[in-house]
Amino acid sequence: DFPETHLVLGGWALTLRNAPAAER
């Protein structure tokens, strides 16, 4: 429920080269 958590998850997805998950 924290916006900043999804920033972390987006960065995590980019590190894993998972662009669809990063966009979500």
mmCIF file of all heavy atoms, coordinates in Angstrom:
data_MODEL
# 
_entry.id   MODEL 
# 
loop_
_atom_site.group_PDB 
_atom_site.id 
_atom_site.type_symbol 
_atom_site.label_atom_id 
_atom_site.label_alt_id 
_atom_site.label_comp_id 
_atom_site.label_asym_id 
_atom_site.label_entity_id 
_atom_site.label_seq_id 
_atom_site.pdbx_PDB_ins_code 
_atom_site.Cartn_x 
_atom_site.Cartn_y 
_atom_site.Cartn_z 
_atom_site.occupancy 
_atom_site.B_iso_or_equiv 
_atom_site.pdbx_formal_charge 
_atom_site.auth_seq_id 
_atom_site.auth_comp_id 
_atom_site.auth_asym_id 
_atom_site.auth_atom_id 
_atom_site.pdbx_PDB_model_num 
ATOM 1   N N   . ASP A 1 1  ? 0.818  -1.209  0.000   1.00 0.00 ? 1  ASP A N   1 
ATOM 2   C CA  . ASP A 1 1  ? 0.000  0.000   0.000   1.00 0.00 ? 1  ASP A CA  1 
ATOM 3   C C   . ASP A 1 1  ? 0.854  1.262   0.000   1.00 0.00 ? 1  ASP A C   1 
ATOM 4   O O   . ASP A 1 1  ? 0.321  2.370   0.072   1.00 0.00 ? 1  ASP A O   1 
ATOM 5   C CB  . ASP A 1 1  ? -0.960 0.006   1.189   1.00 0.00 ? 1  ASP A CB  1 
ATOM 6   C CG  . ASP A 1 1  ? -0.269 -0.306  2.516   1.00 0.00 ? 1  ASP A CG  1 
ATOM 7   O OD1 . ASP A 1 1  ? 0.881  -0.789  2.506   1.00 0.00 ? 1  ASP A OD1 1 
ATOM 8   O OD2 . ASP A 1 1  ? -0.892 -0.089  3.574   1.00 0.00 ? 1  ASP A OD2 1 
ATOM 9   N N   . PHE A 1 2  ? 2.159  1.129   -0.094  1.00 0.00 ? 2  PHE A N   1 
ATOM 10  C CA  . PHE A 1 2  ? 3.072  2.257   -0.151  1.00 0.00 ? 2  PHE A CA  1 
ATOM 11  C C   . PHE A 1 2  ? 3.483  2.484   -1.611  1.00 0.00 ? 2  PHE A C   1 
ATOM 12  O O   . PHE A 1 2  ? 4.024  1.579   -2.250  1.00 0.00 ? 2  PHE A O   1 
ATOM 13  C CB  . PHE A 1 2  ? 4.346  1.985   0.653   1.00 0.00 ? 2  PHE A CB  1 
ATOM 14  C CG  . PHE A 1 2  ? 4.194  2.025   2.141   1.00 0.00 ? 2  PHE A CG  1 
ATOM 15  C CD1 . PHE A 1 2  ? 2.981  1.773   2.759   1.00 0.00 ? 2  PHE A CD1 1 
ATOM 16  C CD2 . PHE A 1 2  ? 5.296  2.293   2.940   1.00 0.00 ? 2  PHE A CD2 1 
ATOM 17  C CE1 . PHE A 1 2  ? 2.849  1.797   4.133   1.00 0.00 ? 2  PHE A CE1 1 
ATOM 18  C CE2 . PHE A 1 2  ? 5.185  2.334   4.321   1.00 0.00 ? 2  PHE A CE2 1 
ATOM 19  C CZ  . PHE A 1 2  ? 3.951  2.088   4.920   1.00 0.00 ? 2  PHE A CZ  1 
ATOM 20  N N   . PRO A 1 3  ? 3.275  3.666   -2.185  1.00 0.00 ? 3  PRO A N   1 
ATOM 21  C CA  . PRO A 1 3  ? 3.755  3.919   -3.551  1.00 0.00 ? 3  PRO A CA  1 
ATOM 22  C C   . PRO A 1 3  ? 5.243  3.637   -3.700  1.00 0.00 ? 3  PRO A C   1 
ATOM 23  O O   . PRO A 1 3  ? 5.683  3.085   -4.722  1.00 0.00 ? 3  PRO A O   1 
ATOM 24  C CB  . PRO A 1 3  ? 3.458  5.405   -3.756  1.00 0.00 ? 3  PRO A CB  1 
ATOM 25  C CG  . PRO A 1 3  ? 2.321  5.694   -2.831  1.00 0.00 ? 3  PRO A CG  1 
ATOM 26  C CD  . PRO A 1 3  ? 2.555  4.830   -1.625  1.00 0.00 ? 3  PRO A CD  1 
ATOM 27  N N   . GLU A 1 4  ? 6.019  3.986   -2.687  1.00 0.00 ? 4  GLU A N   1 
ATOM 28  C CA  . GLU A 1 4  ? 7.464  3.806   -2.789  1.00 0.00 ? 4  GLU A CA  1 
ATOM 29  C C   . GLU A 1 4  ? 7.871  2.341   -2.874  1.00 0.00 ? 4  GLU A C   1 
ATOM 30  O O   . GLU A 1 4  ? 8.936  2.018   -3.420  1.00 0.00 ? 4  GLU A O   1 
ATOM 31  C CB  . GLU A 1 4  ? 8.176  4.498   -1.622  1.00 0.00 ? 4  GLU A CB  1 
ATOM 32  C CG  . GLU A 1 4  ? 7.706  4.088   -0.235  1.00 0.00 ? 4  GLU A CG  1 
ATOM 33  C CD  . GLU A 1 4  ? 6.598  4.937   0.333   1.00 0.00 ? 4  GLU A CD  1 
ATOM 34  O OE1 . GLU A 1 4  ? 5.696  5.351   -0.413  1.00 0.00 ? 4  GLU A OE1 1 
ATOM 35  O OE2 . GLU A 1 4  ? 6.625  5.189   1.551   1.00 0.00 ? 4  GLU A OE2 1 
ATOM 36  N N   . THR A 1 5  ? 7.053  1.440   -2.350  1.00 0.00 ? 5  THR A N   1 
ATOM 37  C CA  . THR A 1 5  ? 7.345  0.014   -2.470  1.00 0.00 ? 5  THR A CA  1 
ATOM 38  C C   . THR A 1 5  ? 7.329  -0.411  -3.931  1.00 0.00 ? 5  THR A C   1 
ATOM 39  O O   . THR A 1 5  ? 8.174  -1.193  -4.387  1.00 0.00 ? 5  THR A O   1 
ATOM 40  C CB  . THR A 1 5  ? 6.310  -0.811  -1.680  1.00 0.00 ? 5  THR A CB  1 
ATOM 41  O OG1 . THR A 1 5  ? 6.421  -0.496  -0.301  1.00 0.00 ? 5  THR A OG1 1 
ATOM 42  C CG2 . THR A 1 5  ? 6.523  -2.308  -1.883  1.00 0.00 ? 5  THR A CG2 1 
ATOM 43  N N   . HIS A 1 6  ? 6.383  0.113   -4.695  1.00 0.00 ? 6  HIS A N   1 
ATOM 44  C CA  . HIS A 1 6  ? 6.280  -0.278  -6.100  1.00 0.00 ? 6  HIS A CA  1 
ATOM 45  C C   . HIS A 1 6  ? 7.392  0.339   -6.937  1.00 0.00 ? 6  HIS A C   1 
ATOM 46  O O   . HIS A 1 6  ? 7.765  -0.219  -7.990  1.00 0.00 ? 6  HIS A O   1 
ATOM 47  C CB  . HIS A 1 6  ? 4.897  0.084   -6.623  1.00 0.00 ? 6  HIS A CB  1 
ATOM 48  C CG  . HIS A 1 6  ? 3.805  -0.666  -5.903  1.00 0.00 ? 6  HIS A CG  1 
ATOM 49  N ND1 . HIS A 1 6  ? 3.422  -1.940  -6.245  1.00 0.00 ? 6  HIS A ND1 1 
ATOM 50  C CD2 . HIS A 1 6  ? 3.059  -0.332  -4.822  1.00 0.00 ? 6  HIS A CD2 1 
ATOM 51  C CE1 . HIS A 1 6  ? 2.471  -2.348  -5.421  1.00 0.00 ? 6  HIS A CE1 1 
ATOM 52  N NE2 . HIS A 1 6  ? 2.242  -1.399  -4.537  1.00 0.00 ? 6  HIS A NE2 1 
ATOM 53  N N   . LEU A 1 7  ? 7.962  1.451   -6.477  1.00 0.00 ? 7  LEU A N   1 
ATOM 54  C CA  . LEU A 1 7  ? 9.185  1.947   -7.123  1.00 0.00 ? 7  LEU A CA  1 
ATOM 55  C C   . LEU A 1 7  ? 10.310 0.929   -6.968  1.00 0.00 ? 7  LEU A C   1 
ATOM 56  O O   . LEU A 1 7  ? 11.060 0.664   -7.914  1.00 0.00 ? 7  LEU A O   1 
ATOM 57  C CB  . LEU A 1 7  ? 9.601  3.281   -6.504  1.00 0.00 ? 7  LEU A CB  1 
ATOM 58  C CG  . LEU A 1 7  ? 8.792  4.517   -6.874  1.00 0.00 ? 7  LEU A CG  1 
ATOM 59  C CD1 . LEU A 1 7  ? 9.236  5.705   -6.033  1.00 0.00 ? 7  LEU A CD1 1 
ATOM 60  C CD2 . LEU A 1 7  ? 8.936  4.835   -8.359  1.00 0.00 ? 7  LEU A CD2 1 
ATOM 61  N N   . VAL A 1 8  ? 10.427 0.363   -5.760  1.00 0.00 ? 8  VAL A N   1 
ATOM 62  C CA  . VAL A 1 8  ? 11.451 -0.668  -5.514  1.00 0.00 ? 8  VAL A CA  1 
ATOM 63  C C   . VAL A 1 8  ? 11.189 -1.889  -6.386  1.00 0.00 ? 8  VAL A C   1 
ATOM 64  O O   . VAL A 1 8  ? 12.100 -2.444  -7.011  1.00 0.00 ? 8  VAL A O   1 
ATOM 65  C CB  . VAL A 1 8  ? 11.468 -1.055  -4.022  1.00 0.00 ? 8  VAL A CB  1 
ATOM 66  C CG1 . VAL A 1 8  ? 12.393 -2.252  -3.790  1.00 0.00 ? 8  VAL A CG1 1 
ATOM 67  C CG2 . VAL A 1 8  ? 11.901 0.128   -3.170  1.00 0.00 ? 8  VAL A CG2 1 
ATOM 68  N N   . LEU A 1 9  ? 9.926  -2.313  -6.448  1.00 0.00 ? 9  LEU A N   1 
ATOM 69  C CA  . LEU A 1 9  ? 9.592  -3.490  -7.243  1.00 0.00 ? 9  LEU A CA  1 
ATOM 70  C C   . LEU A 1 9  ? 9.833  -3.239  -8.728  1.00 0.00 ? 9  LEU A C   1 
ATOM 71  O O   . LEU A 1 9  ? 10.255 -4.140  -9.462  1.00 0.00 ? 9  LEU A O   1 
ATOM 72  C CB  . LEU A 1 9  ? 8.139  -3.883  -6.996  1.00 0.00 ? 9  LEU A CB  1 
ATOM 73  C CG  . LEU A 1 9  ? 7.838  -4.455  -5.611  1.00 0.00 ? 9  LEU A CG  1 
ATOM 74  C CD1 . LEU A 1 9  ? 6.345  -4.635  -5.423  1.00 0.00 ? 9  LEU A CD1 1 
ATOM 75  C CD2 . LEU A 1 9  ? 8.571  -5.768  -5.401  1.00 0.00 ? 9  LEU A CD2 1 
ATOM 76  N N   . GLY A 1 10 ? 9.561  -2.015  -9.174  1.00 0.00 ? 10 GLY A N   1 
ATOM 77  C CA  . GLY A 1 10 ? 9.856  -1.683  -10.559 1.00 0.00 ? 10 GLY A CA  1 
ATOM 78  C C   . GLY A 1 10 ? 11.336 -1.760  -10.854 1.00 0.00 ? 10 GLY A C   1 
ATOM 79  O O   . GLY A 1 10 ? 11.757 -2.304  -11.895 1.00 0.00 ? 10 GLY A O   1 
ATOM 80  N N   . GLY A 1 11 ? 12.153 -1.236  -9.940  1.00 0.00 ? 11 GLY A N   1 
ATOM 81  C CA  . GLY A 1 11 ? 13.598 -1.342  -10.120 1.00 0.00 ? 11 GLY A CA  1 
ATOM 82  C C   . GLY A 1 11 ? 14.078 -2.783  -10.095 1.00 0.00 ? 11 GLY A C   1 
ATOM 83  O O   . GLY A 1 11 ? 14.973 -3.174  -10.855 1.00 0.00 ? 11 GLY A O   1 
ATOM 84  N N   . TRP A 1 12 ? 13.465 -3.572  -9.214  1.00 0.00 ? 12 TRP A N   1 
ATOM 85  C CA  . TRP A 1 12 ? 13.790 -4.988  -9.120  1.00 0.00 ? 12 TRP A CA  1 
ATOM 86  C C   . TRP A 1 12 ? 13.474 -5.691  -10.444 1.00 0.00 ? 12 TRP A C   1 
ATOM 87  O O   . TRP A 1 12 ? 14.284 -6.458  -10.985 1.00 0.00 ? 12 TRP A O   1 
ATOM 88  C CB  . TRP A 1 12 ? 12.993 -5.603  -7.976  1.00 0.00 ? 12 TRP A CB  1 
ATOM 89  C CG  . TRP A 1 12 ? 13.247 -7.043  -7.675  1.00 0.00 ? 12 TRP A CG  1 
ATOM 90  C CD1 . TRP A 1 12 ? 14.233 -7.840  -8.163  1.00 0.00 ? 12 TRP A CD1 1 
ATOM 91  C CD2 . TRP A 1 12 ? 12.502 -7.865  -6.774  1.00 0.00 ? 12 TRP A CD2 1 
ATOM 92  N NE1 . TRP A 1 12 ? 14.146 -9.094  -7.640  1.00 0.00 ? 12 TRP A NE1 1 
ATOM 93  C CE2 . TRP A 1 12 ? 13.095 -9.139  -6.779  1.00 0.00 ? 12 TRP A CE2 1 
ATOM 94  C CE3 . TRP A 1 12 ? 11.396 -7.613  -5.957  1.00 0.00 ? 12 TRP A CE3 1 
ATOM 95  C CZ2 . TRP A 1 12 ? 12.594 -10.190 -6.005  1.00 0.00 ? 12 TRP A CZ2 1 
ATOM 96  C CZ3 . TRP A 1 12 ? 10.908 -8.669  -5.185  1.00 0.00 ? 12 TRP A CZ3 1 
ATOM 97  C CH2 . TRP A 1 12 ? 11.503 -9.932  -5.214  1.00 0.00 ? 12 TRP A CH2 1 
ATOM 98  N N   . ALA A 1 13 ? 12.299 -5.412  -11.015 1.00 0.00 ? 13 ALA A N   1 
ATOM 99  C CA  . ALA A 1 13 ? 11.908 -6.027  -12.278 1.00 0.00 ? 13 ALA A CA  1 
ATOM 100 C C   . ALA A 1 13 ? 12.851 -5.610  -13.402 1.00 0.00 ? 13 ALA A C   1 
ATOM 101 O O   . ALA A 1 13 ? 13.197 -6.428  -14.281 1.00 0.00 ? 13 ALA A O   1 
ATOM 102 C CB  . ALA A 1 13 ? 10.472 -5.648  -12.615 1.00 0.00 ? 13 ALA A CB  1 
ATOM 103 N N   . LEU A 1 14 ? 13.298 -4.351  -13.401 1.00 0.00 ? 14 LEU A N   1 
ATOM 104 C CA  . LEU A 1 14 ? 14.246 -3.918  -14.418 1.00 0.00 ? 14 LEU A CA  1 
ATOM 105 C C   . LEU A 1 14 ? 15.576 -4.645  -14.285 1.00 0.00 ? 14 LEU A C   1 
ATOM 106 O O   . LEU A 1 14 ? 16.203 -5.016  -15.295 1.00 0.00 ? 14 LEU A O   1 
ATOM 107 C CB  . LEU A 1 14 ? 14.457 -2.405  -14.321 1.00 0.00 ? 14 LEU A CB  1 
ATOM 108 C CG  . LEU A 1 14 ? 13.275 -1.530  -14.765 1.00 0.00 ? 14 LEU A CG  1 
ATOM 109 C CD1 . LEU A 1 14 ? 13.536 -0.072  -14.425 1.00 0.00 ? 14 LEU A CD1 1 
ATOM 110 C CD2 . LEU A 1 14 ? 13.025 -1.704  -16.259 1.00 0.00 ? 14 LEU A CD2 1 
ATOM 111 N N   . THR A 1 15 ? 16.010 -4.847  -13.035 1.00 0.00 ? 15 THR A N   1 
ATOM 112 C CA  . THR A 1 15 ? 17.248 -5.596  -12.820 1.00 0.00 ? 15 THR A CA  1 
ATOM 113 C C   . THR A 1 15 ? 17.143 -7.006  -13.388 1.00 0.00 ? 15 THR A C   1 
ATOM 114 O O   . THR A 1 15 ? 18.106 -7.555  -13.945 1.00 0.00 ? 15 THR A O   1 
ATOM 115 C CB  . THR A 1 15 ? 17.565 -5.671  -11.310 1.00 0.00 ? 15 THR A CB  1 
ATOM 116 O OG1 . THR A 1 15 ? 17.726 -4.349  -10.805 1.00 0.00 ? 15 THR A OG1 1 
ATOM 117 C CG2 . THR A 1 15 ? 18.837 -6.467  -11.053 1.00 0.00 ? 15 THR A CG2 1 
ATOM 118 N N   . LEU A 1 16 ? 15.955 -7.596  -13.282 1.00 0.00 ? 16 LEU A N   1 
ATOM 119 C CA  . LEU A 1 16 ? 15.715 -8.951  -13.802 1.00 0.00 ? 16 LEU A CA  1 
ATOM 120 C C   . LEU A 1 16 ? 15.327 -8.930  -15.277 1.00 0.00 ? 16 LEU A C   1 
ATOM 121 O O   . LEU A 1 16 ? 14.979 -9.984  -15.834 1.00 0.00 ? 16 LEU A O   1 
ATOM 122 C CB  . LEU A 1 16 ? 14.607 -9.621  -12.979 1.00 0.00 ? 16 LEU A CB  1 
ATOM 123 C CG  . LEU A 1 16 ? 14.925 -9.843  -11.503 1.00 0.00 ? 16 LEU A CG  1 
ATOM 124 C CD1 . LEU A 1 16 ? 13.709 -10.397 -10.765 1.00 0.00 ? 16 LEU A CD1 1 
ATOM 125 C CD2 . LEU A 1 16 ? 16.118 -10.771 -11.332 1.00 0.00 ? 16 LEU A CD2 1 
ATOM 126 N N   . ARG A 1 17 ? 15.367 -7.740  -15.895 1.00 0.00 ? 17 ARG A N   1 
ATOM 127 C CA  . ARG A 1 17 ? 15.028 -7.566  -17.317 1.00 0.00 ? 17 ARG A CA  1 
ATOM 128 C C   . ARG A 1 17 ? 13.605 -8.028  -17.616 1.00 0.00 ? 17 ARG A C   1 
ATOM 129 O O   . ARG A 1 17 ? 13.323 -8.615  -18.659 1.00 0.00 ? 17 ARG A O   1 
ATOM 130 C CB  . ARG A 1 17 ? 16.038 -8.294  -18.212 1.00 0.00 ? 17 ARG A CB  1 
ATOM 131 C CG  . ARG A 1 17 ? 17.429 -7.700  -18.150 1.00 0.00 ? 17 ARG A CG  1 
ATOM 132 C CD  . ARG A 1 17 ? 18.400 -8.426  -19.070 1.00 0.00 ? 17 ARG A CD  1 
ATOM 133 N NE  . ARG A 1 17 ? 19.663 -7.732  -19.185 1.00 0.00 ? 17 ARG A NE  1 
ATOM 134 C CZ  . ARG A 1 17 ? 20.656 -7.818  -18.297 1.00 0.00 ? 17 ARG A CZ  1 
ATOM 135 N NH1 . ARG A 1 17 ? 20.505 -8.585  -17.238 1.00 0.00 ? 17 ARG A NH1 1 
ATOM 136 N NH2 . ARG A 1 17 ? 21.779 -7.145  -18.468 1.00 0.00 ? 17 ARG A NH2 1 
ATOM 137 N N   . ASN A 1 18 ? 12.713 -7.745  -16.695 1.00 0.00 ? 18 ASN A N   1 
ATOM 138 C CA  . ASN A 1 18 ? 11.307 -8.093  -16.862 1.00 0.00 ? 18 ASN A CA  1 
ATOM 139 C C   . ASN A 1 18 ? 10.524 -6.797  -17.069 1.00 0.00 ? 18 ASN A C   1 
ATOM 140 O O   . ASN A 1 18 ? 9.954  -6.228  -16.137 1.00 0.00 ? 18 ASN A O   1 
ATOM 141 C CB  . ASN A 1 18 ? 10.796 -8.849  -15.633 1.00 0.00 ? 18 ASN A CB  1 
ATOM 142 C CG  . ASN A 1 18 ? 9.400  -9.414  -15.823 1.00 0.00 ? 18 ASN A CG  1 
ATOM 143 O OD1 . ASN A 1 18 ? 8.655  -8.959  -16.691 1.00 0.00 ? 18 ASN A OD1 1 
ATOM 144 N ND2 . ASN A 1 18 ? 9.043  -10.399 -15.015 1.00 0.00 ? 18 ASN A ND2 1 
ATOM 145 N N   . ALA A 1 19 ? 10.518 -6.306  -18.316 1.00 0.00 ? 19 ALA A N   1 
ATOM 146 C CA  . ALA A 1 19 ? 9.901  -5.019  -18.604 1.00 0.00 ? 19 ALA A CA  1 
ATOM 147 C C   . ALA A 1 19 ? 8.393  -5.003  -18.360 1.00 0.00 ? 19 ALA A C   1 
ATOM 148 O O   . ALA A 1 19 ? 7.867  -4.004  -17.860 1.00 0.00 ? 19 ALA A O   1 
ATOM 149 C CB  . ALA A 1 19 ? 10.218 -4.597  -20.044 1.00 0.00 ? 19 ALA A CB  1 
ATOM 150 N N   . PRO A 1 20 ? 7.643  -6.062  -18.695 1.00 0.00 ? 20 PRO A N   1 
ATOM 151 C CA  . PRO A 1 20 ? 6.201  -6.019  -18.390 1.00 0.00 ? 20 PRO A CA  1 
ATOM 152 C C   . PRO A 1 20 ? 5.914  -5.873  -16.894 1.00 0.00 ? 20 PRO A C   1 
ATOM 153 O O   . PRO A 1 20 ? 5.035  -5.099  -16.497 1.00 0.00 ? 20 PRO A O   1 
ATOM 154 C CB  . PRO A 1 20 ? 5.692  -7.356  -18.946 1.00 0.00 ? 20 PRO A CB  1 
ATOM 155 C CG  . PRO A 1 20 ? 6.652  -7.697  -20.037 1.00 0.00 ? 20 PRO A CG  1 
ATOM 156 C CD  . PRO A 1 20 ? 7.984  -7.229  -19.538 1.00 0.00 ? 20 PRO A CD  1 
ATOM 157 N N   . ALA A 1 21 ? 6.641  -6.629  -16.059 1.00 0.00 ? 21 ALA A N   1 
ATOM 158 C CA  . ALA A 1 21 ? 6.437  -6.495  -14.611 1.00 0.00 ? 21 ALA A CA  1 
ATOM 159 C C   . ALA A 1 21 ? 6.837  -5.112  -14.140 1.00 0.00 ? 21 ALA A C   1 
ATOM 160 O O   . ALA A 1 21 ? 6.188  -4.530  -13.261 1.00 0.00 ? 21 ALA A O   1 
ATOM 161 C CB  . ALA A 1 21 ? 7.231  -7.569  -13.868 1.00 0.00 ? 21 ALA A CB  1 
ATOM 162 N N   . ALA A 1 22 ? 7.888  -4.555  -14.720 1.00 0.00 ? 22 ALA A N   1 
ATOM 163 C CA  . ALA A 1 22 ? 8.320  -3.206  -14.343 1.00 0.00 ? 22 ALA A CA  1 
ATOM 164 C C   . ALA A 1 22 ? 7.240  -2.181  -14.688 1.00 0.00 ? 22 ALA A C   1 
ATOM 165 O O   . ALA A 1 22 ? 6.940  -1.275  -13.890 1.00 0.00 ? 22 ALA A O   1 
ATOM 166 C CB  . ALA A 1 22 ? 9.625  -2.859  -15.043 1.00 0.00 ? 22 ALA A CB  1 
ATOM 167 N N   . GLU A 1 23 ? 6.624  -2.330  -15.874 1.00 0.00 ? 23 GLU A N   1 
ATOM 168 C CA  . GLU A 1 23 ? 5.575  -1.388  -16.239 1.00 0.00 ? 23 GLU A CA  1 
ATOM 169 C C   . GLU A 1 23 ? 4.390  -1.474  -15.284 1.00 0.00 ? 23 GLU A C   1 
ATOM 170 O O   . GLU A 1 23 ? 3.833  -0.451  -14.864 1.00 0.00 ? 23 GLU A O   1 
ATOM 171 C CB  . GLU A 1 23 ? 5.094  -1.646  -17.663 1.00 0.00 ? 23 GLU A CB  1 
ATOM 172 C CG  . GLU A 1 23 ? 4.057  -0.632  -18.113 1.00 0.00 ? 23 GLU A CG  1 
ATOM 173 C CD  . GLU A 1 23 ? 3.566  -0.842  -19.537 1.00 0.00 ? 23 GLU A CD  1 
ATOM 174 O OE1 . GLU A 1 23 ? 4.075  -1.754  -20.226 1.00 0.00 ? 23 GLU A OE1 1 
ATOM 175 O OE2 . GLU A 1 23 ? 2.655  -0.094  -19.954 1.00 0.00 ? 23 GLU A OE2 1 
ATOM 176 N N   . ARG A 1 24 ? 4.018  -2.689  -14.890 1.00 0.00 ? 24 ARG A N   1 
ATOM 177 C CA  . ARG A 1 24 ? 2.897  -2.835  -13.975 1.00 0.00 ? 24 ARG A CA  1 
ATOM 178 C C   . ARG A 1 24 ? 3.222  -2.239  -12.602 1.00 0.00 ? 24 ARG A C   1 
ATOM 179 O O   . ARG A 1 24 ? 2.362  -1.662  -11.927 1.00 0.00 ? 24 ARG A O   1 
ATOM 180 C CB  . ARG A 1 24 ? 2.521  -4.318  -13.859 1.00 0.00 ? 24 ARG A CB  1 
ATOM 181 C CG  . ARG A 1 24 ? 1.891  -4.878  -15.124 1.00 0.00 ? 24 ARG A CG  1 
ATOM 182 C CD  . ARG A 1 24 ? 1.271  -6.252  -14.873 1.00 0.00 ? 24 ARG A CD  1 
ATOM 183 N NE  . ARG A 1 24 ? 2.254  -7.287  -14.658 1.00 0.00 ? 24 ARG A NE  1 
ATOM 184 C CZ  . ARG A 1 24 ? 2.817  -8.017  -15.634 1.00 0.00 ? 24 ARG A CZ  1 
ATOM 185 N NH1 . ARG A 1 24 ? 2.496  -7.792  -16.897 1.00 0.00 ? 24 ARG A NH1 1 
ATOM 186 N NH2 . ARG A 1 24 ? 3.691  -8.962  -15.333 1.00 0.00 ? 24 ARG A NH2 1 
# 
